[in-house]
Amino acid sequence: MALFNRKSTAAPTVTAAPAVDPALAALTGTYTLDPAHSSIGFTVRHAMVTNVRGSFGEHEGTLVVDGTDPANSSASIDVRIASVDTGIADRDGHLVSGDFFDAEKFPLMTFRSTRAEQLGGEAYRITGDLTIKDVTRPLAIDLEFNGSATDVYGNERVGFEGSADILRSDWGLTWNAALETGGVMVSDKVKLTFDISAIKAAPAA
């Protein structure tokens, strides 16, 4: 028992702070999503046998990237619901109607981050509040950093891609129809996908 009661005289261990990658540190700044080279989409099971894919053509947002400490990074994204495109006009019309998104009353889907973390290597996770219609719930998005580049116009870009699975019923999107063979027309589970290219803002004068 004396071993556990004996006071240690050894000097406390000092843990060195992890080295900062200069290349990542150089990326620190505020970025604007480039809608022409970004995609925000979804995949949902239809009639229990196939997948329907769609995307939202109009979206805007801001990324704040801290390459020195990723925990200080953040994201803010607004998606215009009426821009949904599944390749079938009648289906798009149903999605923006009151049965689903009710786009006339709730024109935007929004995401506001509350936490960012590096999972290891190029993998990151950003957690925040996703609002659809009048419901706000937490959402975690796993992202892969695709790298950075300067384009032919001199714009500094970063790229991320990622995904998240949600239950649409958690956001009040509950419309469905029963199938004669069992099951339902539209699955509750929806996979959200993000392919993001963002341009670094010029430093303030």
Protein backbone atom coordinates (compact mmCIF):
# COMPACT_ATOMS: atom_id res chain seq x y z
CA MET A 1 0.00 0.00 0.00
CA ALA A 2 2.93 2.33 0.67
CA LEU A 3 3.66 2.46 -3.06
CA PHE A 4 0.35 4.17 -3.73
CA ASN A 5 0.76 6.65 -0.88
CA ARG A 6 4.34 7.67 -1.67
CA LYS A 7 4.67 11.14 -3.22
CA SER A 8 6.53 11.27 -6.48
CA THR A 9 9.57 13.53 -6.73
CA ALA A 10 9.94 13.17 -10.48
CA ALA A 11 9.56 16.26 -12.62
CA PRO A 12 6.20 16.49 -14.41
CA THR A 13 6.18 15.29 -18.00
CA VAL A 14 5.76 18.06 -20.56
CA THR A 15 3.95 17.04 -23.75
CA ALA A 16 5.16 18.88 -26.81
CA ALA A 17 2.52 20.57 -28.92
CA PRO A 18 2.00 18.84 -32.28
CA ALA A 19 3.90 20.46 -35.13
CA VAL A 20 1.85 22.65 -37.44
CA ASP A 21 2.01 21.78 -41.14
CA PRO A 22 3.04 25.05 -42.89
CA ALA A 23 1.10 24.05 -46.01
CA LEU A 24 -2.11 23.70 -44.00
CA ALA A 25 -1.42 26.87 -42.01
CA ALA A 26 -1.18 28.77 -45.30
CA LEU A 27 -4.76 27.78 -46.12
CA THR A 28 -6.14 29.72 -43.16
CA GLY A 29 -8.77 32.20 -44.27
CA THR A 30 -12.37 32.73 -45.31
CA TYR A 31 -13.68 30.97 -48.43
CA THR A 32 -16.82 31.43 -50.50
CA LEU A 33 -18.52 28.42 -52.03
CA ASP A 34 -18.30 28.34 -55.82
CA PRO A 35 -21.76 27.11 -56.92
CA ALA A 36 -20.57 26.50 -60.47
CA HIS A 37 -18.11 23.88 -59.27
CA SER A 38 -19.88 22.55 -56.18
CA SER A 39 -22.72 20.07 -55.74
CA ILE A 40 -25.11 19.44 -52.87
CA GLY A 41 -27.18 16.36 -53.55
CA PHE A 42 -29.11 13.45 -52.12
CA THR A 43 -29.92 9.81 -52.74
CA VAL A 44 -33.13 8.11 -51.60
CA ARG A 45 -34.56 4.63 -52.15
CA HIS A 46 -37.66 4.55 -54.35
CA ALA A 47 -40.29 1.78 -54.33
CA MET A 48 -37.88 -0.37 -52.30
CA VAL A 49 -35.96 -1.39 -55.43
CA THR A 50 -33.91 1.51 -56.82
CA ASN A 51 -32.28 4.81 -55.92
CA VAL A 52 -33.35 8.27 -57.01
CA ARG A 53 -30.65 10.94 -57.04
CA GLY A 54 -31.10 14.67 -57.06
CA SER A 55 -29.31 17.90 -56.32
CA PHE A 56 -29.96 21.53 -55.46
CA GLY A 57 -28.69 23.88 -58.14
CA GLU A 58 -28.75 27.07 -56.08
CA HIS A 59 -26.71 27.34 -52.91
CA GLU A 60 -24.29 29.71 -51.26
CA GLY A 61 -22.07 29.56 -48.24
CA THR A 62 -18.92 30.46 -46.40
CA LEU A 63 -16.12 28.32 -45.00
CA VAL A 64 -13.73 29.63 -42.38
CA VAL A 65 -10.64 27.43 -42.51
CA ASP A 66 -8.06 27.42 -39.72
CA GLY A 67 -5.14 25.34 -40.95
CA THR A 68 -3.29 25.83 -37.67
CA ASP A 69 -6.15 24.58 -35.47
CA PRO A 70 -8.98 22.88 -37.43
CA ALA A 71 -11.22 23.09 -34.35
CA ASN A 72 -11.56 26.81 -35.07
CA SER A 73 -12.94 26.18 -38.57
CA SER A 74 -16.62 26.69 -39.41
CA ALA A 75 -19.19 26.48 -42.19
CA SER A 76 -22.41 28.24 -43.12
CA ILE A 77 -24.52 27.04 -46.08
CA ASP A 78 -27.89 28.13 -47.52
CA VAL A 79 -29.66 25.95 -50.08
CA ARG A 80 -32.62 27.16 -52.15
CA ILE A 81 -35.22 24.40 -52.04
CA ALA A 82 -36.96 25.42 -55.29
CA SER A 83 -33.74 24.61 -57.17
CA VAL A 84 -34.15 20.86 -56.55
CA ASP A 85 -33.51 18.78 -59.66
CA THR A 86 -34.08 15.02 -59.96
CA GLY A 87 -34.37 15.03 -63.73
CA ILE A 88 -38.18 14.68 -63.67
CA ALA A 89 -40.18 17.93 -63.58
CA ASP A 90 -43.31 16.35 -62.06
CA ARG A 91 -41.27 14.78 -59.26
CA ASP A 92 -39.48 18.06 -58.59
CA GLY A 93 -42.85 19.79 -58.39
CA HIS A 94 -44.03 17.26 -55.82
CA LEU A 95 -40.87 17.74 -53.74
CA VAL A 96 -41.32 21.52 -53.49
CA SER A 97 -45.03 21.16 -52.64
CA GLY A 98 -46.58 21.01 -49.20
CA ASP A 99 -46.28 17.22 -49.20
CA PHE A 100 -42.53 17.57 -48.80
CA PHE A 101 -40.47 20.76 -48.49
CA ASP A 102 -43.24 23.36 -48.87
CA ALA A 103 -40.73 25.63 -50.62
CA GLU A 104 -43.11 28.59 -50.90
CA LYS A 105 -43.33 28.82 -47.11
CA PHE A 106 -39.83 27.55 -46.32
CA PRO A 107 -37.58 28.56 -49.23
CA LEU A 108 -34.24 27.68 -47.64
CA MET A 109 -32.50 24.69 -46.11
CA THR A 110 -29.63 25.89 -43.91
CA PHE A 111 -26.62 24.47 -42.12
CA ARG A 112 -24.69 26.30 -39.40
CA SER A 113 -21.70 24.54 -37.91
CA THR A 114 -21.08 24.34 -34.17
CA ARG A 115 -17.96 22.15 -34.10
CA ALA A 116 -15.12 21.05 -36.38
CA GLU A 117 -12.55 18.32 -35.78
CA GLN A 118 -9.77 16.53 -37.61
CA LEU A 119 -10.24 12.76 -37.48
CA GLY A 120 -6.82 11.94 -38.88
CA GLY A 121 -5.02 12.47 -42.16
CA GLU A 122 -7.33 14.19 -44.64
CA ALA A 123 -10.51 13.18 -42.78
CA TYR A 124 -12.57 15.78 -40.92
CA ARG A 125 -15.96 15.98 -39.27
CA ILE A 126 -18.08 19.10 -39.02
CA THR A 127 -21.09 19.14 -36.75
CA GLY A 128 -23.83 21.72 -36.76
CA ASP A 129 -27.53 22.55 -37.00
CA LEU A 130 -29.46 21.56 -40.12
CA THR A 131 -32.75 23.39 -40.59
CA ILE A 132 -35.40 22.08 -42.98
CA LYS A 133 -38.82 23.74 -42.95
CA ASP A 134 -39.29 24.81 -39.32
CA VAL A 135 -37.25 21.99 -37.76
CA THR A 136 -33.64 22.33 -36.61
CA ARG A 137 -31.67 19.24 -35.61
CA PRO A 138 -27.97 18.40 -35.21
CA LEU A 139 -26.10 16.91 -38.15
CA ALA A 140 -22.54 15.55 -38.41
CA ILE A 141 -20.91 15.54 -41.85
CA ASP A 142 -17.79 13.46 -42.50
CA LEU A 143 -15.53 15.21 -45.01
CA GLU A 144 -12.42 14.38 -46.99
CA PHE A 145 -10.05 17.24 -47.80
CA ASN A 146 -9.29 16.96 -51.52
CA GLY A 147 -6.52 19.53 -51.53
CA SER A 148 -5.88 23.11 -52.59
CA ALA A 149 -4.87 24.81 -55.82
CA THR A 150 -4.56 28.15 -57.55
CA ASP A 151 -6.75 28.19 -60.66
CA VAL A 152 -5.99 29.86 -64.00
CA TYR A 153 -7.65 33.07 -62.80
CA GLY A 154 -5.45 33.29 -59.73
CA ASN A 155 -8.13 32.14 -57.29
CA GLU A 156 -6.94 30.11 -54.32
CA ARG A 157 -9.27 27.12 -53.94
CA VAL A 158 -9.87 24.32 -51.47
CA GLY A 159 -11.97 21.23 -52.09
CA PHE A 160 -13.92 18.91 -49.81
CA GLU A 161 -16.26 16.01 -50.39
CA GLY A 162 -18.40 14.22 -47.86
CA SER A 163 -21.71 12.74 -46.89
CA ALA A 164 -24.19 12.23 -44.08
CA ASP A 165 -27.19 9.95 -43.58
CA ILE A 166 -30.40 11.36 -42.14
CA LEU A 167 -33.96 10.22 -41.50
CA ARG A 168 -36.15 12.70 -43.34
CA SER A 169 -38.96 12.14 -40.83
CA ASP A 170 -36.75 13.80 -38.19
CA TRP A 171 -37.29 17.04 -40.13
CA GLY A 172 -41.02 16.57 -40.67
CA LEU A 173 -40.74 15.15 -44.22
CA THR A 174 -43.15 12.28 -43.68
CA TRP A 175 -45.17 11.94 -46.90
CA ASN A 176 -45.32 8.39 -48.21
CA ALA A 177 -47.49 5.84 -49.98
CA ALA A 178 -47.85 2.14 -49.26
CA LEU A 179 -46.98 -0.42 -51.94
CA GLU A 180 -49.30 -3.34 -52.72
CA THR A 181 -46.34 -5.69 -52.40
CA GLY A 182 -45.38 -4.27 -49.01
CA GLY A 183 -43.11 -1.46 -48.01
CA VAL A 184 -43.41 2.18 -48.98
CA MET A 185 -42.81 4.38 -52.00
CA VAL A 186 -40.03 6.53 -50.49
CA SER A 187 -37.53 5.43 -47.86
CA ASP A 188 -37.11 7.40 -44.67
CA LYS A 189 -33.32 7.25 -44.92
CA VAL A 190 -31.71 9.84 -47.17
CA LYS A 191 -28.02 10.17 -47.99
CA LEU A 192 -26.82 13.76 -48.35
CA THR A 193 -23.71 14.35 -50.45
CA PHE A 194 -21.41 17.36 -50.62
CA ASP A 195 -18.81 18.13 -53.27
CA ILE A 196 -17.43 21.55 -52.41
CA SER A 197 -15.06 23.91 -54.17
CA ALA A 198 -14.51 27.21 -52.37
CA ILE A 199 -12.53 30.33 -53.26
CA LYS A 200 -10.42 32.21 -50.73
CA ALA A 201 -11.48 35.78 -50.08
CA ALA A 202 -8.93 38.54 -50.56
CA PRO A 203 -7.50 39.90 -47.28
CA ALA A 204 -9.23 42.98 -45.96
CA ALA A 205 -7.48 46.19 -46.90
